[in-house]
Amino acid sequence: MAWIEPLVLSGPGVSLLPLSIDHHDELVTAVRDGELWKLWYTSVPSPETMRGEIERRLELQARGAMLPFAVQARSTGQIVGMTTYLNIDAPNRHLEIGATWYRRSVQRTALNTRCKLLLLAHAFEERAAIAVDFRTHFFNQQSRRAIERLGARLDGVLRNHMIGTNGVLRDTCVYSIIAGEWPAVKLHLQAALARGA
């Protein structure tokens, strides 16, 4: 059995479904809400590249390096974005949560917090992860604030870490939550959701 295998994660308001090509049309609709692919500091598939991005993620899943999900809002049954376990290092029980995007209409709602609570709980409680990383562009302030609100700590900045699709060099901020921090982070996220964050 693989350390991380496809599964459905469900909680109040959201379900994370194993990504499939069947999600293509709904994901195209979702990404058009806010024209998210036009943001220069992040990498979100365009409507034209969505099929290729789904296929890429599924190929990485087949190699054991990634587990992608379609994010479903349970109130509507609508697919509203994608999120992923990636850079899976099974021998060291370490992974990253990322390659996440949501349609504009659900951003700044509790949906992201609910998704991250599901993903983190599964990683730490079911898979005994020792650490979970989050990475984002130095200039993606919205993403950085969201990661920090989760309770992740900044480990550092990888300078000139990647060449963006626009050819511009990217500095990557690396955050993490380690296993010993998870109980407090979990309580923090549950309290934030109870407050309506």
N, C-alpha and C. Protein backbone atom coordinates (compact mmCIF):
# COMPACT_ATOMS: atom_id res chain seq x y z
N MET A 1 0.84 -1.19 0.00
CA MET A 1 0.00 0.00 0.00
C MET A 1 0.87 1.24 0.00
N ALA A 2 0.52 2.21 -0.85
CA ALA A 2 1.24 3.49 -0.89
C ALA A 2 0.96 4.28 0.37
N TRP A 3 1.90 5.17 0.72
CA TRP A 3 1.73 6.00 1.92
C TRP A 3 0.53 6.94 1.75
N ILE A 4 0.41 7.54 0.60
CA ILE A 4 -0.71 8.43 0.29
C ILE A 4 -1.42 7.87 -0.93
N GLU A 5 -2.71 7.54 -0.78
CA GLU A 5 -3.48 6.95 -1.87
C GLU A 5 -4.73 7.79 -2.12
N PRO A 6 -5.29 7.72 -3.33
CA PRO A 6 -6.52 8.46 -3.63
C PRO A 6 -7.64 8.12 -2.65
N LEU A 7 -8.34 9.15 -2.20
CA LEU A 7 -9.46 8.98 -1.28
C LEU A 7 -10.31 10.23 -1.32
N VAL A 8 -11.50 10.14 -0.77
CA VAL A 8 -12.39 11.29 -0.61
C VAL A 8 -12.24 11.78 0.82
N LEU A 9 -12.03 13.08 0.97
CA LEU A 9 -12.01 13.71 2.29
C LEU A 9 -13.21 14.65 2.36
N SER A 10 -14.07 14.46 3.35
CA SER A 10 -15.27 15.30 3.46
C SER A 10 -15.39 15.85 4.87
N GLY A 11 -15.90 17.06 4.93
CA GLY A 11 -16.17 17.71 6.20
C GLY A 11 -17.28 18.73 5.99
N PRO A 12 -17.58 19.51 7.01
CA PRO A 12 -18.62 20.53 6.87
C PRO A 12 -18.32 21.46 5.69
N GLY A 13 -19.24 21.52 4.76
CA GLY A 13 -19.14 22.49 3.68
C GLY A 13 -18.29 22.12 2.48
N VAL A 14 -17.44 21.10 2.60
CA VAL A 14 -16.51 20.82 1.49
C VAL A 14 -16.18 19.34 1.40
N SER A 15 -15.99 18.89 0.17
CA SER A 15 -15.46 17.55 -0.09
C SER A 15 -14.28 17.68 -1.03
N LEU A 16 -13.26 16.90 -0.78
CA LEU A 16 -12.09 16.83 -1.66
C LEU A 16 -12.17 15.49 -2.37
N LEU A 17 -12.35 15.55 -3.68
CA LEU A 17 -12.58 14.36 -4.50
C LEU A 17 -11.33 14.05 -5.31
N PRO A 18 -10.97 12.78 -5.46
CA PRO A 18 -9.83 12.46 -6.32
C PRO A 18 -10.04 13.08 -7.70
N LEU A 19 -9.06 13.85 -8.15
CA LEU A 19 -9.17 14.54 -9.43
C LEU A 19 -9.32 13.55 -10.56
N SER A 20 -10.20 13.87 -11.50
CA SER A 20 -10.33 13.06 -12.70
C SER A 20 -10.61 13.97 -13.89
N ILE A 21 -10.43 13.43 -15.08
CA ILE A 21 -10.68 14.20 -16.29
C ILE A 21 -12.16 14.61 -16.37
N ASP A 22 -13.02 13.88 -15.66
CA ASP A 22 -14.45 14.22 -15.63
C ASP A 22 -14.71 15.58 -14.98
N HIS A 23 -13.76 16.10 -14.23
CA HIS A 23 -13.92 17.40 -13.58
C HIS A 23 -13.58 18.56 -14.52
N HIS A 24 -13.10 18.26 -15.71
CA HIS A 24 -12.59 19.29 -16.63
C HIS A 24 -13.55 20.46 -16.83
N ASP A 25 -14.76 20.20 -17.25
CA ASP A 25 -15.67 21.30 -17.60
C ASP A 25 -16.00 22.18 -16.41
N GLU A 26 -16.22 21.57 -15.25
CA GLU A 26 -16.51 22.36 -14.05
C GLU A 26 -15.29 23.18 -13.62
N LEU A 27 -14.09 22.63 -13.79
CA LEU A 27 -12.88 23.38 -13.45
C LEU A 27 -12.67 24.55 -14.40
N VAL A 28 -13.00 24.37 -15.67
CA VAL A 28 -12.91 25.48 -16.63
C VAL A 28 -13.87 26.59 -16.21
N THR A 29 -15.08 26.24 -15.83
CA THR A 29 -16.04 27.24 -15.35
C THR A 29 -15.49 27.94 -14.10
N ALA A 30 -14.93 27.17 -13.19
CA ALA A 30 -14.40 27.73 -11.94
C ALA A 30 -13.26 28.70 -12.21
N VAL A 31 -12.33 28.34 -13.08
CA VAL A 31 -11.14 29.18 -13.30
C VAL A 31 -11.52 30.47 -14.02
N ARG A 32 -12.62 30.46 -14.75
CA ARG A 32 -13.07 31.68 -15.43
C ARG A 32 -13.62 32.71 -14.44
N ASP A 33 -14.03 32.24 -13.26
CA ASP A 33 -14.53 33.14 -12.22
C ASP A 33 -13.33 33.87 -11.61
N GLY A 34 -13.02 35.01 -12.15
CA GLY A 34 -11.87 35.80 -11.69
C GLY A 34 -10.69 35.76 -12.63
N GLU A 35 -10.80 34.99 -13.74
CA GLU A 35 -9.70 34.87 -14.71
C GLU A 35 -8.36 34.66 -13.99
N LEU A 36 -8.35 33.61 -13.15
CA LEU A 36 -7.23 33.40 -12.23
C LEU A 36 -5.90 33.14 -12.93
N TRP A 37 -5.93 32.62 -14.14
CA TRP A 37 -4.68 32.32 -14.85
C TRP A 37 -3.92 33.59 -15.23
N LYS A 38 -4.54 34.76 -15.12
CA LYS A 38 -3.88 36.01 -15.49
C LYS A 38 -3.02 36.60 -14.37
N LEU A 39 -3.08 36.01 -13.18
CA LEU A 39 -2.24 36.50 -12.07
C LEU A 39 -0.79 36.15 -12.36
N TRP A 40 0.08 37.14 -12.41
CA TRP A 40 1.47 36.91 -12.84
C TRP A 40 2.30 36.15 -11.81
N TYR A 41 1.93 36.19 -10.54
CA TYR A 41 2.75 35.62 -9.48
C TYR A 41 2.31 34.21 -9.06
N THR A 42 1.42 33.61 -9.81
CA THR A 42 0.99 32.26 -9.49
C THR A 42 0.81 31.47 -10.78
N SER A 43 0.64 30.19 -10.67
CA SER A 43 0.49 29.35 -11.84
C SER A 43 -0.84 28.61 -11.76
N VAL A 44 -1.85 29.17 -12.41
CA VAL A 44 -3.18 28.58 -12.45
C VAL A 44 -3.48 28.26 -13.91
N PRO A 45 -3.97 27.07 -14.20
CA PRO A 45 -4.24 26.72 -15.60
C PRO A 45 -5.33 27.61 -16.21
N SER A 46 -5.17 27.92 -17.47
CA SER A 46 -6.20 28.65 -18.21
C SER A 46 -7.26 27.67 -18.69
N PRO A 47 -8.39 28.16 -19.17
CA PRO A 47 -9.39 27.23 -19.72
C PRO A 47 -8.79 26.34 -20.81
N GLU A 48 -7.90 26.91 -21.62
CA GLU A 48 -7.30 26.16 -22.73
C GLU A 48 -6.30 25.11 -22.28
N THR A 49 -5.66 25.33 -21.12
CA THR A 49 -4.64 24.39 -20.65
C THR A 49 -5.13 23.46 -19.54
N MET A 50 -6.42 23.57 -19.18
CA MET A 50 -6.94 22.80 -18.05
C MET A 50 -6.81 21.30 -18.27
N ARG A 51 -7.17 20.80 -19.45
CA ARG A 51 -7.09 19.36 -19.70
C ARG A 51 -5.65 18.87 -19.52
N GLY A 52 -4.70 19.60 -20.09
CA GLY A 52 -3.30 19.22 -19.95
C GLY A 52 -2.83 19.24 -18.51
N GLU A 53 -3.32 20.21 -17.72
CA GLU A 53 -2.94 20.29 -16.31
C GLU A 53 -3.52 19.12 -15.52
N ILE A 54 -4.76 18.76 -15.81
CA ILE A 54 -5.35 17.58 -15.14
C ILE A 54 -4.54 16.34 -15.49
N GLU A 55 -4.22 16.17 -16.76
CA GLU A 55 -3.44 15.00 -17.19
C GLU A 55 -2.06 14.99 -16.55
N ARG A 56 -1.43 16.16 -16.43
CA ARG A 56 -0.10 16.25 -15.80
C ARG A 56 -0.18 15.80 -14.34
N ARG A 57 -1.18 16.31 -13.63
CA ARG A 57 -1.32 15.95 -12.22
C ARG A 57 -1.61 14.45 -12.06
N LEU A 58 -2.42 13.91 -12.95
CA LEU A 58 -2.73 12.48 -12.85
C LEU A 58 -1.51 11.62 -13.18
N GLU A 59 -0.66 12.08 -14.09
CA GLU A 59 0.59 11.36 -14.39
C GLU A 59 1.51 11.37 -13.16
N LEU A 60 1.62 12.51 -12.50
CA LEU A 60 2.44 12.59 -11.28
C LEU A 60 1.84 11.72 -10.18
N GLN A 61 0.52 11.64 -10.13
CA GLN A 61 -0.13 10.75 -9.16
C GLN A 61 0.26 9.30 -9.44
N ALA A 62 0.25 8.92 -10.71
CA ALA A 62 0.60 7.54 -11.08
C ALA A 62 2.02 7.19 -10.66
N ARG A 63 2.89 8.21 -10.59
CA ARG A 63 4.28 7.99 -10.17
C ARG A 63 4.47 8.10 -8.66
N GLY A 64 3.38 8.40 -7.93
CA GLY A 64 3.47 8.49 -6.48
C GLY A 64 4.00 9.80 -5.95
N ALA A 65 4.11 10.82 -6.82
CA ALA A 65 4.68 12.09 -6.40
C ALA A 65 3.63 13.12 -6.02
N MET A 66 2.36 12.85 -6.33
CA MET A 66 1.32 13.84 -6.14
C MET A 66 -0.01 13.13 -5.93
N LEU A 67 -0.90 13.78 -5.17
CA LEU A 67 -2.28 13.32 -5.04
C LEU A 67 -3.18 14.54 -5.18
N PRO A 68 -3.73 14.75 -6.39
CA PRO A 68 -4.56 15.94 -6.65
C PRO A 68 -6.03 15.71 -6.33
N PHE A 69 -6.69 16.79 -5.91
CA PHE A 69 -8.11 16.76 -5.57
C PHE A 69 -8.85 17.85 -6.32
N ALA A 70 -10.11 17.56 -6.67
CA ALA A 70 -11.07 18.59 -7.07
C ALA A 70 -11.80 19.00 -5.80
N VAL A 71 -11.97 20.30 -5.62
CA VAL A 71 -12.62 20.83 -4.41
C VAL A 71 -14.10 21.07 -4.73
N GLN A 72 -14.96 20.43 -3.96
CA GLN A 72 -16.40 20.54 -4.17
C GLN A 72 -17.06 21.26 -3.01
N ALA A 73 -17.81 22.31 -3.30
CA ALA A 73 -18.62 22.98 -2.28
C ALA A 73 -19.86 22.12 -2.05
N ARG A 74 -20.03 21.63 -0.84
CA ARG A 74 -21.11 20.68 -0.59
C ARG A 74 -22.48 21.33 -0.67
N SER A 75 -22.58 22.63 -0.40
CA SER A 75 -23.88 23.30 -0.43
C SER A 75 -24.47 23.32 -1.84
N THR A 76 -23.61 23.38 -2.85
CA THR A 76 -24.08 23.46 -4.24
C THR A 76 -23.73 22.23 -5.06
N GLY A 77 -22.79 21.43 -4.58
CA GLY A 77 -22.29 20.30 -5.36
C GLY A 77 -21.33 20.74 -6.46
N GLN A 78 -21.01 22.01 -6.50
CA GLN A 78 -20.19 22.60 -7.55
C GLN A 78 -18.70 22.39 -7.27
N ILE A 79 -17.94 22.07 -8.33
CA ILE A 79 -16.48 22.02 -8.22
C ILE A 79 -15.97 23.46 -8.29
N VAL A 80 -15.21 23.87 -7.28
CA VAL A 80 -14.81 25.28 -7.16
C VAL A 80 -13.30 25.49 -7.24
N GLY A 81 -12.53 24.42 -7.44
CA GLY A 81 -11.09 24.58 -7.55
C GLY A 81 -10.35 23.27 -7.40
N MET A 82 -9.04 23.39 -7.18
CA MET A 82 -8.17 22.23 -7.03
C MET A 82 -7.23 22.45 -5.85
N THR A 83 -6.81 21.35 -5.25
CA THR A 83 -5.75 21.38 -4.26
C THR A 83 -5.01 20.04 -4.34
N THR A 84 -3.83 19.98 -3.74
CA THR A 84 -2.97 18.83 -4.01
C THR A 84 -2.02 18.54 -2.86
N TYR A 85 -1.82 17.25 -2.60
CA TYR A 85 -0.63 16.81 -1.88
C TYR A 85 0.45 16.66 -2.95
N LEU A 86 1.60 17.27 -2.76
CA LEU A 86 2.65 17.13 -3.75
C LEU A 86 4.01 16.99 -3.06
N ASN A 87 5.03 16.74 -3.87
CA ASN A 87 6.37 16.48 -3.34
C ASN A 87 6.30 15.46 -2.20
N ILE A 88 5.58 14.39 -2.46
CA ILE A 88 5.37 13.35 -1.45
C ILE A 88 6.66 12.57 -1.24
N ASP A 89 7.14 12.58 -0.01
CA ASP A 89 8.36 11.86 0.38
C ASP A 89 7.95 10.81 1.41
N ALA A 90 7.47 9.67 0.92
CA ALA A 90 6.93 8.63 1.80
C ALA A 90 7.93 8.11 2.82
N PRO A 91 9.22 7.82 2.42
CA PRO A 91 10.14 7.29 3.43
C PRO A 91 10.34 8.23 4.62
N ASN A 92 10.24 9.53 4.37
CA ASN A 92 10.43 10.50 5.44
C ASN A 92 9.12 11.07 5.98
N ARG A 93 7.98 10.52 5.51
CA ARG A 93 6.65 10.94 5.95
C ARG A 93 6.51 12.47 5.91
N HIS A 94 6.82 13.01 4.75
CA HIS A 94 6.84 14.45 4.56
C HIS A 94 6.18 14.77 3.23
N LEU A 95 5.37 15.83 3.20
CA LEU A 95 4.73 16.23 1.96
C LEU A 95 4.44 17.72 1.98
N GLU A 96 3.97 18.20 0.84
CA GLU A 96 3.59 19.60 0.69
C GLU A 96 2.11 19.65 0.31
N ILE A 97 1.43 20.67 0.78
CA ILE A 97 0.07 20.98 0.31
C ILE A 97 0.19 22.22 -0.54
N GLY A 98 -0.28 22.12 -1.78
CA GLY A 98 -0.16 23.28 -2.65
C GLY A 98 -0.85 23.07 -3.98
N ALA A 99 -0.38 23.85 -4.98
CA ALA A 99 -1.02 23.87 -6.31
C ALA A 99 -2.52 24.05 -6.14
N THR A 100 -2.87 24.95 -5.21
CA THR A 100 -4.25 25.19 -4.82
C THR A 100 -4.77 26.46 -5.48
N TRP A 101 -5.96 26.39 -5.99
CA TRP A 101 -6.65 27.59 -6.45
C TRP A 101 -8.14 27.38 -6.31
N TYR A 102 -8.86 28.49 -6.08
CA TYR A 102 -10.31 28.47 -5.94
C TYR A 102 -10.93 29.57 -6.79
N ARG A 103 -12.11 29.32 -7.31
CA ARG A 103 -12.82 30.35 -8.05
C ARG A 103 -12.97 31.59 -7.17
N ARG A 104 -13.00 32.75 -7.78
CA ARG A 104 -13.02 34.02 -7.04
C ARG A 104 -14.18 34.09 -6.06
N SER A 105 -15.35 33.57 -6.41
CA SER A 105 -16.54 33.73 -5.57
C SER A 105 -16.46 32.98 -4.24
N VAL A 106 -15.52 32.03 -4.09
CA VAL A 106 -15.39 31.34 -2.80
C VAL A 106 -14.11 31.74 -2.06
N GLN A 107 -13.31 32.62 -2.66
CA GLN A 107 -12.13 33.11 -1.96
C GLN A 107 -12.58 33.99 -0.81
N ARG A 108 -11.78 34.02 0.25
CA ARG A 108 -12.07 34.81 1.45
C ARG A 108 -13.33 34.31 2.17
N THR A 109 -13.59 33.00 2.01
CA THR A 109 -14.64 32.35 2.79
C THR A 109 -13.96 31.29 3.64
N ALA A 110 -14.75 30.53 4.38
CA ALA A 110 -14.19 29.48 5.24
C ALA A 110 -13.73 28.27 4.44
N LEU A 111 -13.98 28.24 3.15
CA LEU A 111 -13.69 27.05 2.34
C LEU A 111 -12.22 26.64 2.42
N ASN A 112 -11.30 27.59 2.28
CA ASN A 112 -9.87 27.23 2.32
C ASN A 112 -9.49 26.65 3.68
N THR A 113 -9.97 27.26 4.75
CA THR A 113 -9.65 26.75 6.09
C THR A 113 -10.19 25.33 6.25
N ARG A 114 -11.40 25.07 5.75
CA ARG A 114 -11.98 23.73 5.84
C ARG A 114 -11.16 22.72 5.04
N CYS A 115 -10.75 23.12 3.85
CA CYS A 115 -9.92 22.21 3.03
C CYS A 115 -8.61 21.88 3.73
N LYS A 116 -7.95 22.90 4.23
CA LYS A 116 -6.65 22.67 4.86
C LYS A 116 -6.79 21.84 6.13
N LEU A 117 -7.87 22.03 6.88
CA LEU A 117 -8.09 21.21 8.07
C LEU A 117 -8.23 19.73 7.68
N LEU A 118 -8.97 19.45 6.62
CA LEU A 118 -9.12 18.06 6.15
C LEU A 118 -7.77 17.48 5.72
N LEU A 119 -7.03 18.24 4.91
CA LEU A 119 -5.75 17.75 4.39
C LEU A 119 -4.72 17.56 5.50
N LEU A 120 -4.64 18.52 6.41
CA LEU A 120 -3.67 18.42 7.50
C LEU A 120 -4.04 17.28 8.46
N ALA A 121 -5.33 17.15 8.79
CA ALA A 121 -5.74 16.08 9.70
C ALA A 121 -5.41 14.72 9.10
N HIS A 122 -5.67 14.55 7.81
CA HIS A 122 -5.36 13.26 7.19
C HIS A 122 -3.84 13.00 7.20
N ALA A 123 -3.07 14.02 6.87
CA ALA A 123 -1.62 13.85 6.82
C ALA A 123 -1.05 13.50 8.19
N PHE A 124 -1.43 14.26 9.22
CA PHE A 124 -0.84 14.05 10.55
C PHE A 124 -1.48 12.89 11.30
N GLU A 125 -2.79 12.74 11.21
CA GLU A 125 -3.48 11.76 12.05
C GLU A 125 -3.62 10.38 11.40
N GLU A 126 -3.76 10.34 10.10
CA GLU A 126 -3.93 9.06 9.42
C GLU A 126 -2.63 8.54 8.80
N ARG A 127 -1.76 9.44 8.38
CA ARG A 127 -0.53 9.04 7.70
C ARG A 127 0.72 9.30 8.55
N ALA A 128 0.56 9.84 9.73
CA ALA A 128 1.67 10.08 10.67
C ALA A 128 2.78 10.92 10.03
N ALA A 129 2.39 11.94 9.27
CA ALA A 129 3.39 12.84 8.67
C ALA A 129 4.18 13.52 9.78
N ILE A 130 5.46 13.76 9.50
CA ILE A 130 6.28 14.48 10.48
C ILE A 130 6.33 15.97 10.17
N ALA A 131 6.01 16.35 8.92
CA ALA A 131 5.98 17.76 8.55
C ALA A 131 5.18 17.92 7.27
N VAL A 132 4.50 19.06 7.17
CA VAL A 132 3.77 19.43 5.96
C VAL A 132 4.23 20.83 5.56
N ASP A 133 4.64 20.97 4.31
CA ASP A 133 5.11 22.25 3.78
C ASP A 133 4.03 22.96 2.99
N PHE A 134 4.20 24.26 2.87
CA PHE A 134 3.42 25.12 1.98
C PHE A 134 4.42 26.05 1.30
N ARG A 135 4.30 26.23 0.00
CA ARG A 135 5.21 27.10 -0.73
C ARG A 135 4.42 28.07 -1.58
N THR A 136 4.91 29.30 -1.67
CA THR A 136 4.24 30.29 -2.49
C THR A 136 5.23 31.36 -2.95
N HIS A 137 4.84 32.08 -3.97
CA HIS A 137 5.65 33.16 -4.52
C HIS A 137 5.81 34.26 -3.47
N PHE A 138 6.98 34.84 -3.39
CA PHE A 138 7.25 35.93 -2.44
C PHE A 138 6.22 37.04 -2.58
N PHE A 139 5.79 37.35 -3.81
CA PHE A 139 4.86 38.45 -4.04
C PHE A 139 3.39 38.04 -3.95
N ASN A 140 3.10 36.79 -3.68
CA ASN A 140 1.71 36.36 -3.55
C ASN A 140 1.26 36.62 -2.12
N GLN A 141 0.99 37.88 -1.82
CA GLN A 141 0.66 38.28 -0.45
C GLN A 141 -0.62 37.62 0.05
N GLN A 142 -1.61 37.45 -0.81
CA GLN A 142 -2.86 36.80 -0.39
C GLN A 142 -2.60 35.37 0.07
N SER A 143 -1.80 34.64 -0.69
CA SER A 143 -1.47 33.26 -0.33
C SER A 143 -0.62 33.22 0.94
N ARG A 144 0.35 34.12 1.05
CA ARG A 144 1.20 34.14 2.24
C ARG A 144 0.39 34.40 3.50
N ARG A 145 -0.53 35.36 3.43
CA ARG A 145 -1.37 35.64 4.60
C ARG A 145 -2.26 34.45 4.94
N ALA A 146 -2.79 33.78 3.91
CA ALA A 146 -3.65 32.62 4.16
C ALA A 146 -2.86 31.49 4.83
N ILE A 147 -1.64 31.26 4.36
CA ILE A 147 -0.79 30.21 4.96
C ILE A 147 -0.45 30.56 6.41
N GLU A 148 -0.13 31.81 6.65
CA GLU A 148 0.20 32.24 8.01
C GLU A 148 -1.01 32.14 8.94
N ARG A 149 -2.21 32.45 8.41
CA ARG A 149 -3.43 32.32 9.23
C ARG A 149 -3.68 30.87 9.63
N LEU A 150 -3.21 29.91 8.82
CA LEU A 150 -3.36 28.50 9.19
C LEU A 150 -2.55 28.15 10.43
N GLY A 151 -1.48 28.88 10.66
CA GLY A 151 -0.58 28.57 11.76
C GLY A 151 0.76 28.03 11.31
N ALA A 152 0.99 28.02 9.99
CA ALA A 152 2.30 27.59 9.47
C ALA A 152 3.34 28.66 9.75
N ARG A 153 4.57 28.22 9.91
CA ARG A 153 5.68 29.14 10.18
C ARG A 153 6.59 29.24 8.97
N LEU A 154 7.11 30.43 8.76
CA LEU A 154 8.03 30.66 7.65
C LEU A 154 9.37 30.03 7.97
N ASP A 155 9.79 29.06 7.15
CA ASP A 155 11.10 28.44 7.30
C ASP A 155 12.18 29.26 6.62
N GLY A 156 11.81 29.92 5.52
CA GLY A 156 12.80 30.72 4.81
C GLY A 156 12.32 31.03 3.39
N VAL A 157 13.18 31.74 2.67
CA VAL A 157 12.88 32.13 1.30
C VAL A 157 13.96 31.54 0.40
N LEU A 158 13.53 30.76 -0.60
CA LEU A 158 14.44 30.22 -1.60
C LEU A 158 14.55 31.24 -2.72
N ARG A 159 15.66 31.93 -2.78
CA ARG A 159 15.83 33.00 -3.76
C ARG A 159 16.18 32.43 -5.12
N ASN A 160 15.60 33.05 -6.17
CA ASN A 160 15.78 32.56 -7.55
C ASN A 160 15.49 31.06 -7.63
N HIS A 161 14.43 30.66 -6.99
CA HIS A 161 14.09 29.24 -6.87
C HIS A 161 13.57 28.64 -8.17
N MET A 162 12.81 29.43 -8.93
CA MET A 162 12.17 28.90 -10.13
C MET A 162 12.11 29.98 -11.20
N ILE A 163 11.97 29.52 -12.43
CA ILE A 163 11.70 30.44 -13.53
C ILE A 163 10.22 30.33 -13.83
N GLY A 164 9.50 31.45 -13.69
CA GLY A 164 8.06 31.46 -13.92
C GLY A 164 7.72 31.27 -15.38
N THR A 165 6.44 30.99 -15.63
CA THR A 165 5.99 30.81 -17.02
C THR A 165 6.20 32.07 -17.84
N ASN A 166 6.29 33.22 -17.16
CA ASN A 166 6.54 34.48 -17.86
C ASN A 166 8.03 34.78 -17.98
N GLY A 167 8.88 33.84 -17.53
CA GLY A 167 10.33 34.02 -17.62
C GLY A 167 10.95 34.76 -16.45
N VAL A 168 10.13 35.26 -15.54
CA VAL A 168 10.63 36.02 -14.38
C VAL A 168 11.04 35.04 -13.29
N LEU A 169 12.19 35.32 -12.65
CA LEU A 169 12.66 34.47 -11.56
C LEU A 169 11.76 34.62 -10.34
N ARG A 170 11.48 33.51 -9.70
CA ARG A 170 10.59 33.49 -8.54
C ARG A 170 11.37 33.20 -7.27
N ASP A 171 11.18 34.04 -6.26
CA ASP A 171 11.60 33.73 -4.90
C ASP A 171 10.45 33.00 -4.24
N THR A 172 10.72 31.85 -3.62
CA THR A 172 9.67 31.01 -3.04
C THR A 172 9.76 31.05 -1.52
N CYS A 173 8.65 31.41 -0.88
CA CYS A 173 8.54 31.37 0.58
C CYS A 173 8.13 29.96 0.98
N VAL A 174 8.90 29.36 1.89
CA VAL A 174 8.62 28.00 2.36
C VAL A 174 8.14 28.08 3.81
N TYR A 175 6.96 27.56 4.02
CA TYR A 175 6.35 27.49 5.35
C TYR A 175 6.18 26.02 5.73
N SER A 176 6.03 25.75 7.02
CA SER A 176 5.74 24.38 7.42
C SER A 176 4.97 24.34 8.73
N ILE A 177 4.32 23.21 8.92
CA ILE A 177 3.74 22.81 10.20
C ILE A 177 4.36 21.46 10.51
N ILE A 178 4.92 21.30 11.70
CA ILE A 178 5.52 20.03 12.07
C ILE A 178 4.58 19.27 13.01
N ALA A 179 4.82 17.98 13.12
CA ALA A 179 3.89 17.10 13.84
C ALA A 179 3.61 17.59 15.27
N GLY A 180 4.62 18.04 15.96
CA GLY A 180 4.43 18.50 17.34
C GLY A 180 3.56 19.74 17.45
N GLU A 181 3.45 20.50 16.37
CA GLU A 181 2.61 21.70 16.36
C GLU A 181 1.17 21.41 15.99
N TRP A 182 0.92 20.23 15.40
CA TRP A 182 -0.40 19.94 14.85
C TRP A 182 -1.54 20.06 15.87
N PRO A 183 -1.43 19.53 17.11
CA PRO A 183 -2.57 19.66 18.03
C PRO A 183 -3.00 21.11 18.25
N ALA A 184 -2.04 22.02 18.42
CA ALA A 184 -2.39 23.44 18.62
C ALA A 184 -2.94 24.05 17.35
N VAL A 185 -2.34 23.71 16.20
CA VAL A 185 -2.83 24.24 14.93
C VAL A 185 -4.26 23.76 14.68
N LYS A 186 -4.53 22.51 14.98
CA LYS A 186 -5.88 21.96 14.78
C LYS A 186 -6.89 22.73 15.63
N LEU A 187 -6.58 22.97 16.90
CA LEU A 187 -7.49 23.74 17.75
C LEU A 187 -7.68 25.15 17.21
N HIS A 188 -6.61 25.76 16.73
CA HIS A 188 -6.66 27.10 16.14
C HIS A 188 -7.61 27.13 14.94
N LEU A 189 -7.49 26.14 14.05
CA LEU A 189 -8.34 26.11 12.86
C LEU A 189 -9.80 25.84 13.23
N GLN A 190 -10.03 24.94 14.18
CA GLN A 190 -11.39 24.66 14.60
C GLN A 190 -12.03 25.90 15.24
N ALA A 191 -11.23 26.64 16.02
CA ALA A 191 -11.76 27.87 16.64
C ALA A 191 -12.05 28.92 15.59
N ALA A 192 -11.18 29.03 14.59
CA ALA A 192 -11.41 30.00 13.51
C ALA A 192 -12.70 29.67 12.77
N LEU A 193 -12.93 28.39 12.50
CA LEU A 193 -14.16 27.99 11.81
C LEU A 193 -15.39 28.25 12.69
N ALA A 194 -15.25 28.03 13.99
CA ALA A 194 -16.37 28.27 14.91
C ALA A 194 -16.73 29.76 14.96
N ARG A 195 -15.71 30.62 14.77
CA ARG A 195 -15.94 32.07 14.73
C ARG A 195 -16.46 32.52 13.38
N GLY A 196 -16.46 31.61 12.41
CA GLY A 196 -16.93 31.98 11.08
C GLY A 196 -15.85 32.52 10.18
N ALA A 197 -14.59 32.18 10.46
CA ALA A 197 -13.46 32.68 9.64
C ALA A 197 -13.50 32.07 8.28
